[in-house]
Amino acid sequence: MSNKLYIGSLSYDTNEDGLREFFSQAGTVTSAVIITDKMSGRSKGFGFVEMSSEEEAKKAVETLNGKELDGRTLIVDEARPMKKSF
């Protein structure tokens, strides 16, 4: 497992500081990024969190997947490389 996690089903009200704080329950967060639309700047409803170790990333998946943040039930999973589309 890698240290980088995919976070889905984010509320449009969630910001990166709130995401970082929420995931700090599972350990040290080295980065928290919410993906935004380039045109509107609005959240696309997903992001990525990087934990300081694989153990903390695994703990975050086990303890925070299905938990609620800002009124939405989160999907927390290991981040996978983007698939190339031709």
PDB file of N, CA and C in Angstrom:
ATOM      1  N   MET A   1       0.848  -1.191   0.000  1.00  0.00           N
ATOM      2  CA  MET A   1       0.000   0.000   0.000  1.00  0.00           C
ATOM      3  C   MET A   1       0.888   1.248   0.000  1.00  0.00           C
ATOM      4  N   SER A   2       0.446   2.281  -0.694  1.00  0.00           N
ATOM      5  CA  SER A   2       1.217   3.520  -0.701  1.00  0.00           C
ATOM      6  C   SER A   2       0.704   4.444   0.402  1.00  0.00           C
ATOM      7  N   ASN A   3       1.349   5.583   0.549  1.00  0.00           N
ATOM      8  CA  ASN A   3       0.951   6.561   1.566  1.00  0.00           C
ATOM      9  C   ASN A   3      -0.154   7.475   1.060  1.00  0.00           C
ATOM     10  N   LYS A   4      -0.420   7.463  -0.253  1.00  0.00           N
ATOM     11  CA  LYS A   4      -1.377   8.395  -0.855  1.00  0.00           C
ATOM     12  C   LYS A   4      -2.766   7.761  -0.934  1.00  0.00           C
ATOM     13  N   LEU A   5      -3.761   8.521  -0.475  1.00  0.00           N
ATOM     14  CA  LEU A   5      -5.130   8.031  -0.413  1.00  0.00           C
ATOM     15  C   LEU A   5      -6.055   8.867  -1.293  1.00  0.00           C
ATOM     16  N   TYR A   6      -7.000   8.189  -1.926  1.00  0.00           N
ATOM     17  CA  TYR A   6      -8.068   8.838  -2.674  1.00  0.00           C
ATOM     18  C   TYR A   6      -9.219   9.082  -1.704  1.00  0.00           C
ATOM     19  N   ILE A   7      -9.754  10.287  -1.721  1.00  0.00           N
ATOM     20  CA  ILE A   7     -10.888  10.620  -0.856  1.00  0.00           C
ATOM     21  C   ILE A   7     -12.046  11.040  -1.752  1.00  0.00           C
ATOM     22  N   GLY A   8     -13.111  10.260  -1.763  1.00  0.00           N
ATOM     23  CA  GLY A   8     -14.262  10.548  -2.603  1.00  0.00           C
ATOM     24  C   GLY A   8     -15.470  10.950  -1.797  1.00  0.00           C
ATOM     25  N   SER A   9     -16.457  11.502  -2.499  1.00  0.00           N
ATOM     26  CA  SER A   9     -17.729  11.926  -1.916  1.00  0.00           C
ATOM     27  C   SER A   9     -17.553  13.093  -0.943  1.00  0.00           C
ATOM     28  N   LEU A  10     -16.614  13.991  -1.270  1.00  0.00           N
ATOM     29  CA  LEU A  10     -16.403  15.165  -0.423  1.00  0.00           C
ATOM     30  C   LEU A  10     -17.523  16.174  -0.609  1.00  0.00           C
ATOM     31  N   SER A  11     -17.880  16.826   0.464  1.00  0.00           N
ATOM     32  CA  SER A  11     -18.835  17.924   0.403  1.00  0.00           C
ATOM     33  C   SER A  11     -18.172  19.091  -0.316  1.00  0.00           C
ATOM     34  N   TYR A  12     -18.967  19.876  -1.039  1.00  0.00           N
ATOM     35  CA  TYR A  12     -18.428  21.075  -1.689  1.00  0.00           C
ATOM     36  C   TYR A  12     -17.991  22.106  -0.651  1.00  0.00           C
ATOM     37  N   ASP A  13     -18.440  21.934   0.599  1.00  0.00           N
ATOM     38  CA  ASP A  13     -18.071  22.851   1.674  1.00  0.00           C
ATOM     39  C   ASP A  13     -16.737  22.488   2.328  1.00  0.00           C
ATOM     40  N   THR A  14     -16.231  21.300   2.071  1.00  0.00           N
ATOM     41  CA  THR A  14     -14.976  20.861   2.696  1.00  0.00           C
ATOM     42  C   THR A  14     -13.803  21.598   2.064  1.00  0.00           C
ATOM     43  N   ASN A  15     -12.893  22.086   2.918  1.00  0.00           N
ATOM     44  CA  ASN A  15     -11.680  22.716   2.405  1.00  0.00           C
ATOM     45  C   ASN A  15     -10.465  21.875   2.792  1.00  0.00           C
ATOM     46  N   GLU A  16      -9.309  22.229   2.257  1.00  0.00           N
ATOM     47  CA  GLU A  16      -8.113  21.418   2.483  1.00  0.00           C
ATOM     48  C   GLU A  16      -7.683  21.398   3.948  1.00  0.00           C
ATOM     49  N   ASP A  17      -7.870  22.505   4.666  1.00  0.00           N
ATOM     50  CA  ASP A  17      -7.525  22.526   6.093  1.00  0.00           C
ATOM     51  C   ASP A  17      -8.419  21.573   6.888  1.00  0.00           C
ATOM     52  N   GLY A  18      -9.713  21.560   6.560  1.00  0.00           N
ATOM     53  CA  GLY A  18     -10.638  20.657   7.234  1.00  0.00           C
ATOM     54  C   GLY A  18     -10.333  19.206   6.936  1.00  0.00           C
ATOM     55  N   LEU A  19      -9.944  18.935   5.687  1.00  0.00           N
ATOM     56  CA  LEU A  19      -9.586  17.575   5.286  1.00  0.00           C
ATOM     57  C   LEU A  19      -8.333  17.113   6.035  1.00  0.00           C
ATOM     58  N   ARG A  20      -7.345  17.993   6.106  1.00  0.00           N
ATOM     59  CA  ARG A  20      -6.095  17.688   6.828  1.00  0.00           C
ATOM     60  C   ARG A  20      -6.377  17.402   8.295  1.00  0.00           C
ATOM     61  N   GLU A  21      -7.203  18.238   8.911  1.00  0.00           N
ATOM     62  CA  GLU A  21      -7.541  18.066  10.332  1.00  0.00           C
ATOM     63  C   GLU A  21      -8.276  16.749  10.571  1.00  0.00           C
ATOM     64  N   PHE A  22      -9.231  16.422   9.702  1.00  0.00           N
ATOM     65  CA  PHE A  22     -10.004  15.188   9.839  1.00  0.00           C
ATOM     66  C   PHE A  22      -9.091  13.965   9.750  1.00  0.00           C
ATOM     67  N   PHE A  23      -8.169  13.953   8.793  1.00  0.00           N
ATOM     68  CA  PHE A  23      -7.296  12.797   8.608  1.00  0.00           C
ATOM     69  C   PHE A  23      -6.173  12.729   9.630  1.00  0.00           C
ATOM     70  N   SER A  24      -5.929  13.803  10.360  1.00  0.00           N
ATOM     71  CA  SER A  24      -4.890  13.766  11.395  1.00  0.00           C
ATOM     72  C   SER A  24      -5.268  12.824  12.535  1.00  0.00           C
ATOM     73  N   GLN A  25      -6.549  12.394  12.595  1.00  0.00           N
ATOM     74  CA  GLN A  25      -6.973  11.381  13.577  1.00  0.00           C
ATOM     75  C   GLN A  25      -6.208  10.073  13.377  1.00  0.00           C
ATOM     76  N   ALA A  26      -5.815   9.807  12.123  1.00  0.00           N
ATOM     77  CA  ALA A  26      -5.166   8.540  11.794  1.00  0.00           C
ATOM     78  C   ALA A  26      -3.639   8.648  11.802  1.00  0.00           C
ATOM     79  N   GLY A  27      -3.110   9.851  11.937  1.00  0.00           N
ATOM     80  CA  GLY A  27      -1.659  10.016  11.942  1.00  0.00           C
ATOM     81  C   GLY A  27      -1.255  11.348  11.335  1.00  0.00           C
ATOM     82  N   THR A  28       0.004  11.437  10.935  1.00  0.00           N
ATOM     83  CA  THR A  28       0.557  12.671  10.394  1.00  0.00           C
ATOM     84  C   THR A  28       0.212  12.812   8.917  1.00  0.00           C
ATOM     85  N   VAL A  29      -0.438  13.913   8.579  1.00  0.00           N
ATOM     86  CA  VAL A  29      -0.816  14.200   7.197  1.00  0.00           C
ATOM     87  C   VAL A  29       0.284  15.054   6.576  1.00  0.00           C
ATOM     88  N   THR A  30       0.881  14.564   5.476  1.00  0.00           N
ATOM     89  CA  THR A  30       1.935  15.345   4.821  1.00  0.00           C
ATOM     90  C   THR A  30       1.371  16.264   3.746  1.00  0.00           C
ATOM     91  N   SER A  31       0.213  15.910   3.168  1.00  0.00           N
ATOM     92  CA  SER A  31      -0.454  16.815   2.225  1.00  0.00           C
ATOM     93  C   SER A  31      -1.925  16.454   2.112  1.00  0.00           C
ATOM     94  N   ALA A  32      -2.723  17.467   1.814  1.00  0.00           N
ATOM     95  CA  ALA A  32      -4.157  17.284   1.590  1.00  0.00           C
ATOM     96  C   ALA A  32      -4.549  18.215   0.452  1.00  0.00           C
ATOM     97  N   VAL A  33      -5.099  17.637  -0.623  1.00  0.00           N
ATOM     98  CA  VAL A  33      -5.448  18.414  -1.810  1.00  0.00           C
ATOM     99  C   VAL A  33      -6.866  18.064  -2.240  1.00  0.00           C
ATOM    100  N   ILE A  34      -7.669  19.087  -2.496  1.00  0.00           N
ATOM    101  CA  ILE A  34      -8.994  18.892  -3.063  1.00  0.00           C
ATOM    102  C   ILE A  34      -8.920  19.301  -4.528  1.00  0.00           C
ATOM    103  N   ILE A  35      -9.392  18.435  -5.404  1.00  0.00           N
ATOM    104  CA  ILE A  35      -9.343  18.699  -6.836  1.00  0.00           C
ATOM    105  C   ILE A  35     -10.483  19.652  -7.203  1.00  0.00           C
ATOM    106  N   THR A  36     -10.119  20.709  -7.920  1.00  0.00           N
ATOM    107  CA  THR A  36     -11.105  21.723  -8.292  1.00  0.00           C
ATOM    108  C   THR A  36     -11.221  21.842  -9.812  1.00  0.00           C
ATOM    109  N   ASP A  37     -12.372  22.326 -10.234  1.00  0.00           N
ATOM    110  CA  ASP A  37     -12.614  22.582 -11.641  1.00  0.00           C
ATOM    111  C   ASP A  37     -11.781  23.794 -12.064  1.00  0.00           C
ATOM    112  N   LYS A  38     -11.075  23.679 -13.189  1.00  0.00           N
ATOM    113  CA  LYS A  38     -10.203  24.765 -13.633  1.00  0.00           C
ATOM    114  C   LYS A  38     -10.973  26.032 -13.986  1.00  0.00           C
ATOM    115  N   MET A  39     -12.162  25.882 -14.527  1.00  0.00           N
ATOM    116  CA  MET A  39     -12.940  27.047 -14.953  1.00  0.00           C
ATOM    117  C   MET A  39     -13.636  27.754 -13.784  1.00  0.00           C
ATOM    118  N   SER A  40     -14.339  26.977 -12.955  1.00  0.00           N
ATOM    119  CA  SER A  40     -15.143  27.590 -11.891  1.00  0.00           C
ATOM    120  C   SER A  40     -14.403  27.690 -10.556  1.00  0.00           C
ATOM    121  N   GLY A  41     -13.367  26.861 -10.377  1.00  0.00           N
ATOM    122  CA  GLY A  41     -12.666  26.836  -9.100  1.00  0.00           C
ATOM    123  C   GLY A  41     -13.405  26.049  -8.034  1.00  0.00           C
ATOM    124  N   ARG A  42     -14.547  25.465  -8.399  1.00  0.00           N
ATOM    125  CA  ARG A  42     -15.367  24.698  -7.450  1.00  0.00           C
ATOM    126  C   ARG A  42     -14.818  23.282  -7.285  1.00  0.00           C
ATOM    127  N   SER A  43     -14.947  22.741  -6.099  1.00  0.00           N
ATOM    128  CA  SER A  43     -14.513  21.380  -5.814  1.00  0.00           C
ATOM    129  C   SER A  43     -15.199  20.386  -6.740  1.00  0.00           C
ATOM    130  N   LYS A  44     -14.447  19.378  -7.169  1.00  0.00           N
ATOM    131  CA  LYS A  44     -15.033  18.303  -7.970  1.00  0.00           C
ATOM    132  C   LYS A  44     -15.572  17.180  -7.083  1.00  0.00           C
ATOM    133  N   GLY A  45     -15.445  17.321  -5.762  1.00  0.00           N
ATOM    134  CA  GLY A  45     -16.002  16.336  -4.840  1.00  0.00           C
ATOM    135  C   GLY A  45     -15.058  15.205  -4.480  1.00  0.00           C
ATOM    136  N   PHE A  46     -13.777  15.352  -4.857  1.00  0.00           N
ATOM    137  CA  PHE A  46     -12.796  14.348  -4.451  1.00  0.00           C
ATOM    138  C   PHE A  46     -11.438  15.015  -4.259  1.00  0.00           C
ATOM    139  N   GLY A  47     -10.563  14.278  -3.609  1.00  0.00           N
ATOM    140  CA  GLY A  47      -9.232  14.809  -3.355  1.00  0.00           C
ATOM    141  C   GLY A  47      -8.284  13.694  -2.961  1.00  0.00           C
ATOM    142  N   PHE A  48      -7.108  14.103  -2.510  1.00  0.00           N
ATOM    143  CA  PHE A  48      -6.069  13.153  -2.121  1.00  0.00           C
ATOM    144  C   PHE A  48      -5.428  13.607  -0.821  1.00  0.00           C
ATOM    145  N   VAL A  49      -5.131  12.636   0.023  1.00  0.00           N
ATOM    146  CA  VAL A  49      -4.427  12.888   1.275  1.00  0.00           C
ATOM    147  C   VAL A  49      -3.214  11.980   1.288  1.00  0.00           C
ATOM    148  N   GLU A  50      -2.075  12.530   1.665  1.00  0.00           N
ATOM    149  CA  GLU A  50      -0.872  11.726   1.794  1.00  0.00           C
ATOM    150  C   GLU A  50      -0.490  11.669   3.259  1.00  0.00           C
ATOM    151  N   MET A  51      -0.349  10.449   3.759  1.00  0.00           N
ATOM    152  CA  MET A  51       0.033  10.231   5.154  1.00  0.00           C
ATOM    153  C   MET A  51       1.546  10.030   5.222  1.00  0.00           C
ATOM    154  N   SER A  52       2.120  10.141   6.415  1.00  0.00           N
ATOM    155  CA  SER A  52       3.576  10.053   6.535  1.00  0.00           C
ATOM    156  C   SER A  52       4.113   8.627   6.454  1.00  0.00           C
ATOM    157  N   SER A  53       3.248   7.625   6.600  1.00  0.00           N
ATOM    158  CA  SER A  53       3.712   6.236   6.495  1.00  0.00           C
ATOM    159  C   SER A  53       2.606   5.348   5.938  1.00  0.00           C
ATOM    160  N   GLU A  54       3.000   4.190   5.450  1.00  0.00           N
ATOM    161  CA  GLU A  54       2.019   3.221   4.947  1.00  0.00           C
ATOM    162  C   GLU A  54       1.090   2.755   6.062  1.00  0.00           C
ATOM    163  N   GLU A  55       1.635   2.601   7.272  1.00  0.00           N
ATOM    164  CA  GLU A  55       0.826   2.151   8.407  1.00  0.00           C
ATOM    165  C   GLU A  55      -0.282   3.161   8.707  1.00  0.00           C
ATOM    166  N   GLU A  56       0.072   4.451   8.676  1.00  0.00           N
ATOM    167  CA  GLU A  56      -0.934   5.480   8.943  1.00  0.00           C
ATOM    168  C   GLU A  56      -1.964   5.538   7.813  1.00  0.00           C
ATOM    169  N   ALA A  57      -1.520   5.328   6.586  1.00  0.00           N
ATOM    170  CA  ALA A  57      -2.453   5.307   5.454  1.00  0.00           C
ATOM    171  C   ALA A  57      -3.436   4.150   5.606  1.00  0.00           C
ATOM    172  N   LYS A  58      -2.923   3.000   5.985  1.00  0.00           N
ATOM    173  CA  LYS A  58      -3.784   1.826   6.181  1.00  0.00           C
ATOM    174  C   LYS A  58      -4.774   2.079   7.316  1.00  0.00           C
ATOM    175  N   LYS A  59      -4.291   2.694   8.394  1.00  0.00           N
ATOM    176  CA  LYS A  59      -5.163   3.017   9.525  1.00  0.00           C
ATOM    177  C   LYS A  59      -6.261   3.992   9.088  1.00  0.00           C
ATOM    178  N   ALA A  60      -5.906   4.964   8.256  1.00  0.00           N
ATOM    179  CA  ALA A  60      -6.888   5.940   7.776  1.00  0.00           C
ATOM    180  C   ALA A  60      -7.980   5.254   6.959  1.00  0.00           C
ATOM    181  N   VAL A  61      -7.597   4.320   6.091  1.00  0.00           N
ATOM    182  CA  VAL A  61      -8.591   3.587   5.290  1.00  0.00           C
ATOM    183  C   VAL A  61      -9.508   2.797   6.213  1.00  0.00           C
ATOM    184  N   GLU A  62      -8.905   2.091   7.164  1.00  0.00           N
ATOM    185  CA  GLU A  62      -9.691   1.231   8.064  1.00  0.00           C
ATOM    186  C   GLU A  62     -10.620   2.023   8.977  1.00  0.00           C
ATOM    187  N   THR A  63     -10.165   3.182   9.461  1.00  0.00           N
ATOM    188  CA  THR A  63     -10.948   3.903  10.468  1.00  0.00           C
ATOM    189  C   THR A  63     -11.816   5.029   9.902  1.00  0.00           C
ATOM    190  N   LEU A  64     -11.453   5.588   8.744  1.00  0.00           N
ATOM    191  CA  LEU A  64     -12.179   6.758   8.250  1.00  0.00           C
ATOM    192  C   LEU A  64     -13.063   6.490   7.038  1.00  0.00           C
ATOM    193  N   ASN A  65     -12.872   5.350   6.357  1.00  0.00           N
ATOM    194  CA  ASN A  65     -13.746   5.020   5.245  1.00  0.00           C
ATOM    195  C   ASN A  65     -15.169   4.831   5.768  1.00  0.00           C
ATOM    196  N   GLY A  66     -16.131   5.534   5.171  1.00  0.00           N
ATOM    197  CA  GLY A  66     -17.521   5.437   5.620  1.00  0.00           C
ATOM    198  C   GLY A  66     -17.887   6.412   6.721  1.00  0.00           C
ATOM    199  N   LYS A  67     -16.910   7.186   7.210  1.00  0.00           N
ATOM    200  CA  LYS A  67     -17.199   8.195   8.235  1.00  0.00           C
ATOM    201  C   LYS A  67     -17.736   9.452   7.571  1.00  0.00           C
ATOM    202  N   GLU A  68     -18.404  10.278   8.358  1.00  0.00           N
ATOM    203  CA  GLU A  68     -19.016  11.488   7.836  1.00  0.00           C
ATOM    204  C   GLU A  68     -18.138  12.704   8.082  1.00  0.00           C
ATOM    205  N   LEU A  69     -18.014  13.545   7.048  1.00  0.00           N
ATOM    206  CA  LEU A  69     -17.313  14.821   7.148  1.00  0.00           C
ATOM    207  C   LEU A  69     -18.154  15.862   6.414  1.00  0.00           C
ATOM    208  N   ASP A  70     -18.515  16.923   7.095  1.00  0.00           N
ATOM    209  CA  ASP A  70     -19.325  18.005   6.526  1.00  0.00           C
ATOM    210  C   ASP A  70     -20.610  17.487   5.875  1.00  0.00           C
ATOM    211  N   GLY A  71     -21.242  16.494   6.512  1.00  0.00           N
ATOM    212  CA  GLY A  71     -22.527  15.999   6.049  1.00  0.00           C
ATOM    213  C   GLY A  71     -22.475  14.960   4.938  1.00  0.00           C
ATOM    214  N   ARG A  72     -21.285  14.515   4.547  1.00  0.00           N
ATOM    215  CA  ARG A  72     -21.159  13.514   3.483  1.00  0.00           C
ATOM    216  C   ARG A  72     -20.386  12.302   4.007  1.00  0.00           C
ATOM    217  N   THR A  73     -20.775  11.114   3.563  1.00  0.00           N
ATOM    218  CA  THR A  73     -20.087   9.886   3.930  1.00  0.00           C
ATOM    219  C   THR A  73     -18.910   9.692   2.985  1.00  0.00           C
ATOM    220  N   LEU A  74     -17.709   9.668   3.545  1.00  0.00           N
ATOM    221  CA  LEU A  74     -16.488   9.614   2.732  1.00  0.00           C
ATOM    222  C   LEU A  74     -16.179   8.225   2.199  1.00  0.00           C
ATOM    223  N   ILE A  75     -15.559   8.211   1.038  1.00  0.00           N
ATOM    224  CA  ILE A  75     -14.955   7.007   0.472  1.00  0.00           C
ATOM    225  C   ILE A  75     -13.452   7.212   0.597  1.00  0.00           C
ATOM    226  N   VAL A  76     -12.789   6.330   1.326  1.00  0.00           N
ATOM    227  CA  VAL A  76     -11.342   6.432   1.522  1.00  0.00           C
ATOM    228  C   VAL A  76     -10.713   5.151   1.013  1.00  0.00           C
ATOM    229  N   ASP A  77      -9.792   5.281   0.064  1.00  0.00           N
ATOM    230  CA  ASP A  77      -9.155   4.119  -0.544  1.00  0.00           C
ATOM    231  C   ASP A  77      -7.746   4.497  -0.974  1.00  0.00           C
ATOM    232  N   GLU A  78      -6.937   3.496  -1.227  1.00  0.00           N
ATOM    233  CA  GLU A  78      -5.594   3.749  -1.731  1.00  0.00           C
ATOM    234  C   GLU A  78      -5.692   4.415  -3.100  1.00  0.00           C
ATOM    235  N   ALA A  79      -4.895   5.456  -3.304  1.00  0.00           N
ATOM    236  CA  ALA A  79      -4.892   6.141  -4.600  1.00  0.00           C
ATOM    237  C   ALA A  79      -4.246   5.232  -5.636  1.00  0.00           C
ATOM    238  N   ARG A  80      -4.823   5.235  -6.825  1.00  0.00           N
ATOM    239  CA  ARG A  80      -4.287   4.443  -7.932  1.00  0.00           C
ATOM    240  C   ARG A  80      -3.836   5.393  -9.029  1.00  0.00           C
ATOM    241  N   PRO A  81      -2.840   4.987  -9.821  1.00  0.00           N
ATOM    242  CA  PRO A  81      -2.406   5.861 -10.916  1.00  0.00           C
ATOM    243  C   PRO A  81      -3.545   6.104 -11.897  1.00  0.00           C
ATOM    244  N   MET A  82      -3.551   7.306 -12.475  1.00  0.00           N
ATOM    245  CA  MET A  82      -4.574   7.641 -13.456  1.00  0.00           C
ATOM    246  C   MET A  82      -4.426   6.762 -14.690  1.00  0.00           C
ATOM    247  N   LYS A  83      -5.547   6.301 -15.211  1.00  0.00           N
ATOM    248  CA  LYS A  83      -5.511   5.500 -16.429  1.00  0.00           C
ATOM    249  C   LYS A  83      -5.457   6.425 -17.627  1.00  0.00           C
ATOM    250  N   LYS A  84      -4.642   6.069 -18.585  1.00  0.00           N
ATOM    251  CA  LYS A  84      -4.530   6.874 -19.788  1.00  0.00           C
ATOM    252  C   LYS A  84      -5.692   6.562 -20.715  1.00  0.00           C
ATOM    253  N   SER A  85      -6.291   7.602 -21.258  1.00  0.00           N
ATOM    254  CA  SER A  85      -7.363   7.390 -22.228  1.00  0.00           C
ATOM    255  C   SER A  85      -6.854   7.850 -23.583  1.00  0.00           C
ATOM    256  N   PHE A  86      -7.166   7.061 -24.579  1.00  0.00           N
ATOM    257  CA  PHE A  86      -6.648   7.380 -25.914  1.00  0.00           C
ATOM    258  C   PHE A  86      -7.709   7.941 -26.794  1.00  0.00           C
TER     259      PHE A  86
END
